Amino acid sequence: MRIDKSVRVALVVAIAFFMQFLDTTAVNTAIPAMARAFGTDVIHLSTGITSYLIALAIFIPVSGWIADRFGTRNVFCAAIVFFILSSTLCGTSQSLLQFVIYRVMQGMAGAMMSPVGRLAVLKTSSKENLPVAMNYITIPALVAPIVGPLVGGYLTTFLTWRWIFYLNVPISIACVLLAWRYIPSEKRGEGSRKPFDAPGFVLSGLALAGFMYGVELFSKEGLSYYVPLGLIGGSLIILFANVFYSKRIDNPLIDYSVMKYKSYRITIYAGSVSRMVIGVFPYLVPLMFQVGFGLSPFEAGLLFLSTMVGNLSMKSATVWVIRSFRFRNVLIVNGCLVALFTFLTALLLPTTPVWIIVLTLFLSGLVRSMQFSSLTTLAFADIPEHDMTSANTLYSTIQQMSIGMGIAIGAVALRFSNVLNGGVPGQYTIPDFRLAFFFVTAIGFLHLFGYLGLSPDAGNAVRIKKDHSADDASGAAGRGTAPGR
């Protein structure tokens, strides 16, 4: 069976994405062991986690310019090589300072790898094949947050936390060889001559670094909300200044003019809220199982695996659903189901039969996967080729922000619920988790009004499959020959 070129590229990129997401989520379970190795506490060690996220946020906006300048394949492969190097260095770290420096390097590599990898898929996929290709590259974002804690916990318990980083090396080597083999090289076009927007880089870097750090502070116990709110507020002011500035120059680093495409604009606004609601799940559910139900991290991880099974099971039907029903209908109906299963998760108790918990998480995984894939596909469905790099850069930037906001919403909802229930700060109970899930459910239902603005034919360019046999026949008739001759 011959595999389409765009599918081969998507599979290679999916491997790189999975490695990156797995690394990010696996490290979280090793924090106590790493703190002991460096002779510090878990609070200070979180600097190493935060530094990675901040580096990722700062350098994502520059990925599109670098890809245009040096070529998508070259930059993607170089990013993987740099990721191998930085991962190895992280594994050999002997102090917290070394670890933070190497994590910043890893964040820089990741900032090139994810957006440029998606750009490679967009450039090699026809509109017709885009749903299939996007379906593959959304798998890591849904599966890795579930598998990562299990892998990290296993390696930390039975080997050493350093193997979390060493594990990246063989995967990365295989990935870079496959990428060089299957991602086509490209000639330098107009984008290779664009000047670098240094002021835009500084403004976006300050805004995104401040925003991500502010979001990270929301999860810290005992810290006043004024600090993260002030950081996020100041960062948004800088971000608006960057938007104002970008509209007044010819070649901005982040080109906000792509927001003129309605379907893309809606996937940025309403879609970001959807991604936040989806992103809350891997944060709140395992925490509820451990703190509220009294399960071990391993037991909580095993239960949560049923969500991953749901994610993967939906992949075989995703393209059919997208092509059979309009994007508008899929996002609204499926969005209601995402909110519904968030609500049902809130009703789970330690006494709930295991099969009901597993079924609830499995069905939740199905609808989360459908929503995530539909949004990613629709975002680029109506974007013309000449605006694809700009659309991808902005989308990657917003996606990184919304993932961070999802965790922040979960943390804030949990702390707020704890206060309303009159609980002891930091000591969460099942009623706290239940109220937090209700809050997320409300957001999940309310933001669906944003999808009502989609036109019925939004994304039809990727939904409707062309009849190539008819095209071939008409072409052959025009040449005066029979089809197939």
Protein backbone atom coordinates (compact mmCIF):
# COMPACT_ATOMS: atom_id res chain seq x y z
CA MET A 1 0.00 0.00 0.00
CA ARG A 2 1.42 3.38 -1.04
CA ILE A 3 1.44 5.99 1.72
CA ASP A 4 0.75 9.56 0.63
CA LYS A 5 3.70 11.97 0.93
CA SER A 6 1.84 14.26 3.32
CA VAL A 7 0.99 11.32 5.60
CA ARG A 8 4.65 10.24 5.73
CA VAL A 9 5.67 13.77 6.71
CA ALA A 10 2.87 13.94 9.29
CA LEU A 11 3.98 10.65 10.87
CA VAL A 12 7.59 11.87 11.15
CA VAL A 13 6.47 15.16 12.69
CA ALA A 14 4.13 13.29 15.06
CA ILE A 15 7.11 11.30 16.39
CA ALA A 16 8.98 14.54 17.12
CA PHE A 17 5.91 16.07 18.76
CA PHE A 18 5.37 12.99 20.91
CA MET A 19 8.98 13.04 22.09
CA GLN A 20 8.71 16.72 23.03
CA PHE A 21 5.36 16.42 24.84
CA LEU A 22 6.45 13.21 26.58
CA ASP A 23 9.61 14.89 27.87
CA THR A 24 7.64 17.85 29.21
CA THR A 25 5.05 15.79 31.08
CA ALA A 26 7.40 13.02 32.31
CA VAL A 27 9.70 15.51 34.05
CA ASN A 28 6.90 16.66 36.38
CA THR A 29 6.77 13.28 38.13
CA ALA A 30 10.54 13.31 38.74
CA ILE A 31 10.67 16.70 40.50
CA PRO A 32 11.11 15.33 44.06
CA ALA A 33 13.93 12.97 43.00
CA MET A 34 15.65 15.71 41.00
CA ALA A 35 15.40 18.12 43.94
CA ARG A 36 17.17 15.59 46.17
CA ALA A 37 19.88 15.05 43.55
CA PHE A 38 20.56 18.80 43.30
CA GLY A 39 20.32 19.37 47.05
CA THR A 40 17.40 21.78 46.78
CA ASP A 41 13.63 21.79 47.35
CA VAL A 42 10.81 21.23 44.87
CA ILE A 43 9.84 24.92 44.89
CA HIS A 44 13.25 26.02 43.64
CA LEU A 45 13.46 23.11 41.20
CA SER A 46 10.27 24.31 39.52
CA THR A 47 12.49 27.05 38.05
CA GLY A 48 13.82 24.41 35.67
CA ILE A 49 10.30 23.60 34.52
CA THR A 50 9.29 27.25 34.19
CA SER A 51 12.47 28.18 32.29
CA TYR A 52 11.61 25.62 29.60
CA LEU A 53 8.09 27.01 29.14
CA ILE A 54 9.32 30.61 29.02
CA ALA A 55 12.03 29.80 26.44
CA LEU A 56 9.40 27.99 24.40
CA ALA A 57 7.07 31.01 24.49
CA ILE A 58 9.80 33.54 23.63
CA PHE A 59 11.19 31.72 20.59
CA ILE A 60 8.03 30.29 18.97
CA PRO A 61 7.25 33.62 17.19
CA VAL A 62 10.65 33.63 15.46
CA SER A 63 10.24 30.07 14.12
CA GLY A 64 8.36 31.13 10.98
CA TRP A 65 10.99 33.70 9.98
CA ILE A 66 13.83 31.19 10.51
CA ALA A 67 11.98 28.48 8.54
CA ASP A 68 11.46 30.88 5.61
CA ARG A 69 15.07 32.00 5.81
CA PHE A 70 16.82 28.63 5.99
CA GLY A 71 14.24 26.11 4.78
CA THR A 72 11.64 24.07 6.65
CA ARG A 73 13.49 20.75 6.49
CA ASN A 74 16.83 22.27 7.50
CA VAL A 75 15.40 24.09 10.52
CA PHE A 76 13.29 21.12 11.65
CA CYS A 77 16.25 18.72 11.52
CA ALA A 78 18.57 21.24 13.20
CA ALA A 79 16.00 21.72 15.97
CA ILE A 80 15.88 17.96 16.60
CA VAL A 81 19.69 17.76 16.75
CA PHE A 82 19.76 20.68 19.21
CA PHE A 83 17.04 18.92 21.21
CA ILE A 84 19.23 15.77 21.38
CA LEU A 85 22.18 17.81 22.64
CA SER A 86 20.19 19.75 25.23
CA SER A 87 18.39 16.60 26.46
CA THR A 88 21.71 14.83 26.98
CA LEU A 89 23.05 17.83 28.88
CA CYS A 90 19.92 17.92 31.07
CA GLY A 91 20.54 14.28 31.95
CA THR A 92 24.13 15.02 32.98
CA SER A 93 23.24 18.10 35.08
CA GLN A 94 24.98 18.22 38.47
CA SER A 95 23.38 21.40 39.81
CA LEU A 96 20.15 23.38 39.56
CA LEU A 97 21.90 26.18 37.64
CA GLN A 98 23.17 23.74 35.01
CA PHE A 99 19.73 22.18 34.72
CA VAL A 100 18.03 25.57 34.22
CA ILE A 101 20.53 26.57 31.50
CA TYR A 102 20.10 23.28 29.65
CA ARG A 103 16.31 23.46 29.95
CA VAL A 104 16.38 26.92 28.35
CA MET A 105 18.36 25.38 25.47
CA GLN A 106 15.80 22.59 25.25
CA GLY A 107 12.99 25.14 25.17
CA MET A 108 14.67 26.98 22.29
CA ALA A 109 14.91 23.70 20.35
CA GLY A 110 11.28 22.86 21.11
CA ALA A 111 10.18 26.32 19.96
CA MET A 112 11.60 25.54 16.52
CA MET A 113 10.53 21.90 16.41
CA SER A 114 6.76 22.15 16.97
CA PRO A 115 5.78 25.12 14.74
CA VAL A 116 8.24 24.24 11.96
CA GLY A 117 7.15 20.60 12.05
CA ARG A 118 3.51 21.65 11.62
CA LEU A 119 4.57 24.02 8.84
CA ALA A 120 6.26 21.11 7.03
CA VAL A 121 2.97 19.20 7.18
CA LEU A 122 0.98 22.21 5.93
CA LYS A 123 3.37 22.74 3.02
CA THR A 124 3.27 19.11 1.86
CA SER A 125 -0.48 18.52 2.32
CA SER A 126 -3.13 19.37 -0.21
CA LYS A 127 -6.36 20.81 1.17
CA GLU A 128 -7.99 17.46 0.49
CA ASN A 129 -5.43 15.51 2.57
CA LEU A 130 -5.18 18.09 5.37
CA PRO A 131 -7.70 16.37 7.72
CA VAL A 132 -5.72 13.11 7.56
CA ALA A 133 -2.36 14.79 8.12
CA MET A 134 -3.62 16.98 10.96
CA ASN A 135 -5.28 13.97 12.55
CA TYR A 136 -1.87 12.34 12.96
CA ILE A 137 -0.03 15.32 14.40
CA THR A 138 -2.69 16.04 17.04
CA ILE A 139 -2.23 12.60 18.63
CA PRO A 140 0.90 13.51 20.66
CA ALA A 141 -0.74 16.53 22.32
CA LEU A 142 -3.56 14.30 23.59
CA VAL A 143 -1.65 11.11 24.41
CA ALA A 144 1.69 12.32 25.82
CA PRO A 145 0.20 14.17 28.84
CA ILE A 146 -1.38 10.85 29.87
CA VAL A 147 1.55 8.52 29.11
CA GLY A 148 4.25 10.96 30.28
CA PRO A 149 3.61 10.71 34.05
CA LEU A 150 3.61 6.90 33.84
CA VAL A 151 6.89 6.82 31.90
CA GLY A 152 8.46 9.42 34.18
CA GLY A 153 7.31 7.60 37.30
CA TYR A 154 8.59 4.25 36.06
CA LEU A 155 12.03 5.55 35.03
CA THR A 156 12.44 7.55 38.23
CA THR A 157 11.42 4.61 40.42
CA PHE A 158 13.28 1.75 38.75
CA LEU A 159 16.21 3.50 37.01
CA THR A 160 16.95 7.20 37.50
CA TRP A 161 15.30 10.48 36.53
CA ARG A 162 18.21 11.08 34.12
CA TRP A 163 16.81 8.43 31.78
CA ILE A 164 13.83 10.68 31.09
CA PHE A 165 16.24 12.84 29.08
CA TYR A 166 18.43 10.02 27.73
CA LEU A 167 15.31 8.37 26.31
CA ASN A 168 15.03 11.27 23.86
CA VAL A 169 18.37 10.47 22.19
CA PRO A 170 17.52 7.31 20.18
CA ILE A 171 14.06 8.64 19.31
CA SER A 172 15.56 11.94 18.13
CA ILE A 173 18.23 10.26 16.00
CA ALA A 174 15.62 8.11 14.26
CA CYS A 175 13.38 11.14 13.81
CA VAL A 176 16.05 13.35 12.23
CA LEU A 177 17.00 10.59 9.76
CA LEU A 178 13.36 10.09 8.76
CA ALA A 179 12.79 13.85 8.50
CA TRP A 180 15.77 14.30 6.19
CA ARG A 181 14.53 11.39 4.08
CA TYR A 182 10.85 12.30 3.76
CA ILE A 183 10.46 16.06 4.22
CA PRO A 184 11.17 17.63 0.81
CA SER A 185 13.76 20.35 0.50
CA GLU A 186 12.50 23.67 -0.82
CA LYS A 187 13.80 26.53 -2.87
CA ARG A 188 14.23 29.87 -1.19
CA GLY A 189 11.30 32.14 -1.92
CA GLU A 190 10.17 35.60 -1.01
CA GLY A 191 10.23 34.79 2.70
CA SER A 192 13.99 34.17 2.68
CA ARG A 193 14.63 37.86 1.97
CA LYS A 194 12.41 39.32 4.69
CA PRO A 195 14.31 41.47 7.22
CA PHE A 196 14.27 40.37 10.85
CA ASP A 197 11.77 42.30 12.99
CA ALA A 198 13.92 42.89 16.09
CA PRO A 199 11.48 45.26 17.89
CA GLY A 200 8.65 42.78 17.30
CA PHE A 201 10.79 39.98 18.72
CA VAL A 202 11.54 41.99 21.87
CA LEU A 203 7.90 42.99 22.38
CA SER A 204 6.50 39.51 21.77
CA GLY A 205 9.25 37.94 23.89
CA LEU A 206 8.53 40.21 26.86
CA ALA A 207 4.77 39.73 26.52
CA LEU A 208 4.87 35.95 26.19
CA ALA A 209 7.54 35.40 28.86
CA GLY A 210 5.62 37.53 31.35
CA PHE A 211 2.33 35.88 30.46
CA MET A 212 3.65 32.32 30.82
CA TYR A 213 5.43 33.13 34.09
CA GLY A 214 2.28 34.76 35.45
CA VAL A 215 0.25 31.70 34.48
CA GLU A 216 2.82 29.46 36.18
CA LEU A 217 2.55 31.47 39.42
CA PHE A 218 -1.20 30.75 39.62
CA SER A 219 -0.39 27.15 40.59
CA LYS A 220 1.83 28.21 43.51
CA GLU A 221 0.25 27.78 46.91
CA GLY A 222 0.37 30.65 49.40
CA LEU A 223 1.04 33.31 46.77
CA SER A 224 -1.24 36.32 46.43
CA TYR A 225 -3.21 36.52 43.20
CA TYR A 226 -2.05 40.11 42.74
CA VAL A 227 1.41 39.02 41.58
CA PRO A 228 0.36 36.72 38.69
CA LEU A 229 -2.54 39.00 37.75
CA GLY A 230 -0.19 41.97 37.59
CA LEU A 231 2.27 40.04 35.44
CA ILE A 232 -0.43 38.81 33.07
CA GLY A 233 -2.04 42.27 32.87
CA GLY A 234 1.29 43.95 32.09
CA SER A 235 2.10 41.26 29.53
CA LEU A 236 -1.22 41.75 27.76
CA ILE A 237 -0.56 45.50 27.53
CA ILE A 238 2.80 44.77 25.88
CA LEU A 239 1.09 42.26 23.59
CA PHE A 240 -1.47 44.86 22.47
CA ALA A 241 1.41 47.26 21.85
CA ASN A 242 3.01 44.58 19.69
CA VAL A 243 -0.21 44.14 17.70
CA PHE A 244 -0.41 47.92 17.19
CA TYR A 245 3.23 48.04 16.09
CA SER A 246 2.97 44.98 13.79
CA LYS A 247 0.13 46.51 11.80
CA ARG A 248 2.32 49.48 10.90
CA ILE A 249 5.33 47.73 9.38
CA ASP A 250 5.76 45.68 6.22
CA ASN A 251 7.26 42.44 7.54
CA PRO A 252 6.21 41.87 11.17
CA LEU A 253 7.50 38.85 13.05
CA ILE A 254 3.91 37.93 13.98
CA ASP A 255 1.56 38.93 11.18
CA TYR A 256 -1.85 39.53 12.74
CA SER A 257 -3.42 40.29 9.36
CA VAL A 258 -4.22 36.57 8.96
CA MET A 259 -7.03 37.17 11.45
CA LYS A 260 -9.01 38.50 8.46
CA TYR A 261 -9.92 34.88 7.62
CA LYS A 262 -13.11 34.27 9.59
CA SER A 263 -12.76 30.54 10.27
CA TYR A 264 -9.16 31.06 11.41
CA ARG A 265 -10.17 33.96 13.65
CA ILE A 266 -12.84 31.87 15.37
CA THR A 267 -10.42 28.97 15.97
CA ILE A 268 -8.11 31.50 17.64
CA TYR A 269 -10.77 33.05 19.90
CA ALA A 270 -13.32 30.32 20.67
CA GLY A 271 -10.83 27.57 19.87
CA SER A 272 -8.40 28.82 22.50
CA VAL A 273 -11.08 28.45 25.16
CA SER A 274 -11.79 24.92 23.90
CA ARG A 275 -8.10 24.07 24.23
CA MET A 276 -8.10 25.50 27.77
CA VAL A 277 -11.06 23.30 28.75
CA ILE A 278 -9.34 20.29 27.18
CA GLY A 279 -6.05 21.20 28.89
CA VAL A 280 -7.63 21.33 32.36
CA PHE A 281 -8.47 17.62 32.24
CA PRO A 282 -4.92 16.14 32.50
CA TYR A 283 -4.25 18.51 35.40
CA LEU A 284 -7.38 18.11 37.54
CA VAL A 285 -8.29 14.45 37.02
CA PRO A 286 -5.03 12.77 38.19
CA LEU A 287 -4.88 15.26 41.06
CA MET A 288 -8.43 14.36 42.09
CA PHE A 289 -7.61 10.65 41.97
CA GLN A 290 -4.56 11.10 44.20
CA VAL A 291 -5.69 13.80 46.64
CA GLY A 292 -9.45 13.20 46.67
CA PHE A 293 -9.64 9.43 46.11
CA GLY A 294 -6.41 8.54 47.94
CA LEU A 295 -4.93 6.57 45.02
CA SER A 296 -1.21 6.23 44.37
CA PRO A 297 0.30 8.12 41.39
CA PHE A 298 0.64 4.82 39.53
CA GLU A 299 -2.99 3.81 40.20
CA ALA A 300 -4.20 7.27 39.14
CA GLY A 301 -2.12 7.02 35.97
CA LEU A 302 -3.54 3.61 35.11
CA LEU A 303 -7.11 4.87 35.48
CA PHE A 304 -6.35 7.94 33.40
CA LEU A 305 -4.99 5.72 30.60
CA SER A 306 -8.60 5.05 29.62
CA THR A 307 -8.71 8.66 28.40
CA MET A 308 -5.77 7.93 26.09
CA VAL A 309 -7.56 4.85 24.74
CA GLY A 310 -10.52 7.10 23.94
CA ASN A 311 -8.24 9.65 22.26
CA LEU A 312 -6.69 7.02 20.01
CA SER A 313 -9.97 5.22 19.30
CA MET A 314 -11.51 8.43 17.93
CA LYS A 315 -8.67 8.93 15.44
CA SER A 316 -10.00 6.27 13.08
CA ALA A 317 -13.34 8.10 12.82
CA THR A 318 -12.19 11.72 12.95
CA VAL A 319 -11.63 12.24 9.22
CA TRP A 320 -14.96 10.57 8.38
CA VAL A 321 -16.82 12.83 10.86
CA ILE A 322 -15.12 15.96 9.50
CA ARG A 323 -15.97 15.05 5.91
CA SER A 324 -19.52 13.90 6.67
CA PHE A 325 -20.66 16.86 8.78
CA ARG A 326 -19.99 20.58 8.66
CA PHE A 327 -17.26 21.96 10.91
CA ARG A 328 -19.79 24.30 12.52
CA ASN A 329 -22.03 21.40 13.56
CA VAL A 330 -19.13 19.23 14.72
CA LEU A 331 -17.60 21.92 16.93
CA ILE A 332 -20.91 22.91 18.55
CA VAL A 333 -22.31 19.42 19.15
CA ASN A 334 -18.99 17.87 20.12
CA GLY A 335 -18.17 20.92 22.26
CA CYS A 336 -21.37 20.27 24.21
CA LEU A 337 -20.22 16.68 24.74
CA VAL A 338 -16.81 17.86 26.00
CA ALA A 339 -18.57 20.06 28.57
CA LEU A 340 -21.02 17.26 29.44
CA PHE A 341 -18.28 14.74 30.21
CA THR A 342 -16.41 17.37 32.21
CA PHE A 343 -19.60 17.67 34.28
CA LEU A 344 -19.94 13.89 34.63
CA THR A 345 -16.31 13.64 35.78
CA ALA A 346 -17.22 15.99 38.64
CA LEU A 347 -19.77 13.43 39.87
CA LEU A 348 -17.23 10.62 40.29
CA LEU A 349 -16.56 9.43 43.84
CA PRO A 350 -14.14 6.98 45.49
CA THR A 351 -17.10 4.60 45.80
CA THR A 352 -17.98 4.82 42.09
CA PRO A 353 -17.46 1.43 40.37
CA VAL A 354 -14.20 1.33 38.44
CA TRP A 355 -15.95 0.43 35.18
CA ILE A 356 -18.05 3.62 35.35
CA ILE A 357 -14.93 5.74 35.96
CA VAL A 358 -13.14 4.05 33.06
CA LEU A 359 -16.15 4.45 30.74
CA THR A 360 -16.54 8.15 31.64
CA LEU A 361 -12.86 8.85 30.97
CA PHE A 362 -12.90 6.79 27.76
CA LEU A 363 -15.89 8.70 26.35
CA SER A 364 -14.31 11.96 27.46
CA GLY A 365 -11.19 10.98 25.52
CA LEU A 366 -13.27 10.38 22.40
CA VAL A 367 -14.84 13.85 22.36
CA ARG A 368 -11.65 15.68 23.47
CA SER A 369 -9.80 14.10 20.54
CA MET A 370 -12.55 15.05 18.09
CA GLN A 371 -12.63 18.68 19.23
CA PHE A 372 -8.85 19.10 19.17
CA SER A 373 -8.45 17.58 15.69
CA SER A 374 -11.38 19.55 14.24
CA LEU A 375 -10.01 22.85 15.54
CA THR A 376 -6.49 22.23 14.24
CA THR A 377 -7.78 21.23 10.80
CA LEU A 378 -10.25 24.11 10.47
CA ALA A 379 -7.63 26.66 11.52
CA PHE A 380 -5.72 26.14 8.26
CA ALA A 381 -8.56 24.95 6.01
CA ASP A 382 -9.29 28.35 4.44
CA ILE A 383 -5.77 29.84 4.61
CA PRO A 384 -4.13 30.38 1.19
CA GLU A 385 -0.59 29.07 0.71
CA HIS A 386 1.07 32.51 0.78
CA ASP A 387 -0.27 33.18 4.30
CA MET A 388 0.38 29.71 5.71
CA THR A 389 3.64 30.55 7.51
CA SER A 390 2.15 33.62 9.20
CA ALA A 391 -0.98 31.71 10.22
CA ASN A 392 1.09 28.86 11.63
CA THR A 393 3.33 31.19 13.66
CA LEU A 394 0.38 32.99 15.27
CA TYR A 395 -1.52 29.74 15.85
CA SER A 396 1.50 28.12 17.54
CA THR A 397 1.95 31.16 19.77
CA ILE A 398 -1.71 31.25 20.82
CA GLN A 399 -1.79 27.49 21.34
CA GLN A 400 1.14 27.68 23.75
CA MET A 401 -0.62 30.45 25.69
CA SER A 402 -3.92 28.55 25.84
CA ILE A 403 -2.26 25.36 27.12
CA GLY A 404 -0.73 27.36 29.95
CA MET A 405 -4.04 29.07 30.65
CA GLY A 406 -5.78 25.69 30.88
CA ILE A 407 -3.56 24.67 33.80
CA ALA A 408 -4.01 28.11 35.37
CA ILE A 409 -7.80 27.85 35.13
CA GLY A 410 -7.67 24.45 36.82
CA ALA A 411 -5.45 25.75 39.64
CA VAL A 412 -7.51 28.90 40.20
CA ALA A 413 -10.81 26.98 40.08
CA LEU A 414 -9.51 24.52 42.66
CA ARG A 415 -8.21 27.19 45.03
CA PHE A 416 -11.40 29.26 44.63
CA SER A 417 -13.54 26.18 45.34
CA ASN A 418 -11.47 25.47 48.44
CA VAL A 419 -12.18 28.99 49.74
CA LEU A 420 -15.92 28.77 48.98
CA ASN A 421 -16.15 25.43 50.78
CA GLY A 422 -14.35 26.86 53.81
CA GLY A 423 -11.52 24.35 53.51
CA VAL A 424 -7.94 24.49 54.74
CA PRO A 425 -5.71 26.16 52.09
CA GLY A 426 -3.76 23.54 50.16
CA GLN A 427 -5.80 20.63 51.55
CA TYR A 428 -8.28 19.82 48.81
CA THR A 429 -11.31 17.60 49.24
CA ILE A 430 -13.72 15.95 46.81
CA PRO A 431 -16.25 18.86 47.08
CA ASP A 432 -13.41 21.23 46.05
CA PHE A 433 -12.67 19.18 42.93
CA ARG A 434 -16.38 18.87 42.14
CA LEU A 435 -16.92 22.64 42.28
CA ALA A 436 -13.79 23.21 40.17
CA PHE A 437 -15.10 20.85 37.49
CA PHE A 438 -18.49 22.63 37.56
CA PHE A 439 -16.69 25.93 36.94
CA VAL A 440 -14.81 24.46 33.96
CA THR A 441 -18.06 22.94 32.66
CA ALA A 442 -19.70 26.39 32.66
CA ILE A 443 -16.82 27.78 30.60
CA GLY A 444 -17.12 24.79 28.28
CA PHE A 445 -20.79 25.49 27.53
CA LEU A 446 -20.67 29.30 27.38
CA HIS A 447 -17.81 29.60 24.87
CA LEU A 448 -19.66 27.45 22.32
CA PHE A 449 -21.60 30.55 21.25
CA GLY A 450 -18.40 31.61 19.49
CA TYR A 451 -18.78 28.77 17.00
CA LEU A 452 -22.21 30.06 15.93
CA GLY A 453 -20.33 32.68 13.92
CA LEU A 454 -18.91 30.03 11.60
CA SER A 455 -20.49 29.97 8.16
CA PRO A 456 -22.07 26.64 7.11
CA ASP A 457 -19.43 26.19 4.39
CA ALA A 458 -16.43 26.95 6.64
CA GLY A 459 -13.62 24.52 5.89
CA ASN A 460 -15.30 22.99 2.84
CA ALA A 461 -11.95 23.11 1.03
CA VAL A 462 -10.74 20.23 3.21
CA ARG A 463 -14.12 18.54 3.79
CA ILE A 464 -15.14 17.83 0.21
CA LYS A 465 -13.08 15.16 -1.47
CA LYS A 466 -12.33 15.82 -5.11
CA ASP A 467 -13.23 13.23 -7.71
CA HIS A 468 -9.82 12.70 -9.29
CA SER A 469 -11.13 10.12 -11.70
CA ALA A 470 -13.51 12.71 -13.12
CA ASP A 471 -10.68 15.24 -13.33
CA ASP A 472 -8.49 12.70 -15.13
CA ALA A 473 -11.29 11.81 -17.53
CA SER A 474 -12.02 15.44 -18.40
CA GLY A 475 -8.31 16.10 -18.81
CA ALA A 476 -7.93 13.10 -21.08
CA ALA A 477 -10.96 14.15 -23.13
CA GLY A 478 -9.40 17.56 -23.60
CA ARG A 479 -6.28 15.88 -24.98
CA GLY A 480 -8.34 13.63 -27.25
CA THR A 481 -7.31 10.42 -25.47
CA ALA A 482 -9.11 7.86 -23.39
CA PRO A 483 -8.69 7.92 -19.64
CA GLY A 484 -5.84 5.75 -18.41
CA ARG A 485 -4.12 5.74 -21.79
